[in-house]
Amino acid sequence: MNNFNRKVEDASARVNKTVGDTTERVEQEAAEFIKYLNDEVVPAVRQHSTKALRVAAEKLHELANYMEQQSAARK
């Protein structure tokens, strides 16, 4: 019976170590992922969002010009 208890304790210790190592690794990866998001993704999204707004503004300006031309042509 002592041998069985010892094997269970050894297995439990291995599982605990594996879970502990995995948890530490996940925490490190999460921190690196958050840093990547903040340093790379957020600035890129902001830059592209600004560009998209400028393109949309230009297209709206063109649409307004077209509508004015069509209105003037009907008169």
Protein backbone atom coordinates (compact mmCIF):
# COMPACT_ATOMS: atom_id res chain seq x y z
CA MET A 1 0.00 0.00 0.00
CA ASN A 2 2.88 2.35 0.76
CA ASN A 3 4.21 1.81 -2.75
CA PHE A 4 0.83 2.80 -4.24
CA ASN A 5 0.63 5.94 -2.08
CA ARG A 6 4.15 6.88 -3.12
CA LYS A 7 3.31 6.45 -6.81
CA VAL A 8 0.19 8.60 -6.38
CA GLU A 9 2.20 11.28 -4.61
CA ASP A 10 4.85 11.21 -7.34
CA ALA A 11 2.22 11.46 -10.06
CA SER A 12 0.50 14.28 -8.21
CA ALA A 13 3.80 16.14 -7.84
CA ARG A 14 4.48 15.76 -11.59
CA VAL A 15 1.00 17.03 -12.44
CA ASN A 16 1.38 19.98 -10.08
CA LYS A 17 4.76 20.86 -11.60
CA THR A 18 3.38 20.60 -15.13
CA VAL A 19 0.38 22.76 -14.27
CA GLY A 20 2.63 25.29 -12.54
CA ASP A 21 5.02 25.44 -15.48
CA THR A 22 2.14 25.74 -17.93
CA THR A 23 0.51 28.52 -15.91
CA GLU A 24 3.78 30.45 -15.79
CA ARG A 25 4.22 30.04 -19.56
CA VAL A 26 0.64 31.17 -20.27
CA GLU A 27 1.16 34.26 -18.10
CA GLN A 28 4.37 35.10 -19.98
CA GLU A 29 2.73 34.58 -23.36
CA ALA A 30 -0.26 36.69 -22.35
CA ALA A 31 2.01 39.53 -21.24
CA GLU A 32 3.95 39.36 -24.53
CA PHE A 33 0.70 39.28 -26.52
CA ILE A 34 -0.66 42.33 -24.71
CA LYS A 35 2.61 44.17 -25.32
CA TYR A 36 2.44 43.25 -29.02
CA LEU A 37 -1.14 44.50 -29.24
CA ASN A 38 -0.25 47.78 -27.57
CA ASP A 39 3.00 48.34 -29.47
CA GLU A 40 2.07 47.09 -32.94
CA VAL A 41 -1.64 46.52 -33.50
CA VAL A 42 -3.16 49.57 -31.81
CA PRO A 43 -0.95 52.10 -33.65
CA ALA A 44 -1.60 50.36 -36.98
CA VAL A 45 -5.36 50.37 -36.41
CA ARG A 46 -5.27 54.04 -35.50
CA GLN A 47 -3.24 54.87 -38.60
CA HIS A 48 -5.50 52.88 -40.91
CA SER A 49 -8.62 54.27 -39.25
CA THR A 50 -7.40 57.79 -39.91
CA LYS A 51 -6.68 56.92 -43.52
CA ALA A 52 -10.10 55.31 -43.89
CA LEU A 53 -11.78 58.42 -42.51
CA ARG A 54 -9.88 60.61 -44.96
CA VAL A 55 -10.88 58.38 -47.89
CA ALA A 56 -14.50 58.38 -46.72
CA ALA A 57 -14.45 62.18 -46.42
CA GLU A 58 -13.06 62.47 -49.94
CA LYS A 59 -15.74 60.14 -51.33
CA LEU A 60 -18.47 62.10 -49.55
CA HIS A 61 -17.06 65.30 -51.03
CA GLU A 62 -17.16 63.73 -54.50
CA LEU A 63 -20.74 62.57 -53.90
CA ALA A 64 -21.79 66.06 -52.82
CA ASN A 65 -20.21 67.52 -55.98
CA TYR A 66 -22.00 64.94 -58.13
CA MET A 67 -25.34 65.69 -56.47
CA GLU A 68 -24.84 69.43 -57.03
CA GLN A 69 -24.01 68.82 -60.71
CA GLN A 70 -27.08 66.65 -61.19
CA SER A 71 -29.27 69.21 -59.49
CA ALA A 72 -27.87 72.02 -61.63
CA ALA A 73 -28.30 69.96 -64.83
CA ARG A 74 -32.01 69.45 -64.11
CA LYS A 75 -32.73 73.17 -63.78
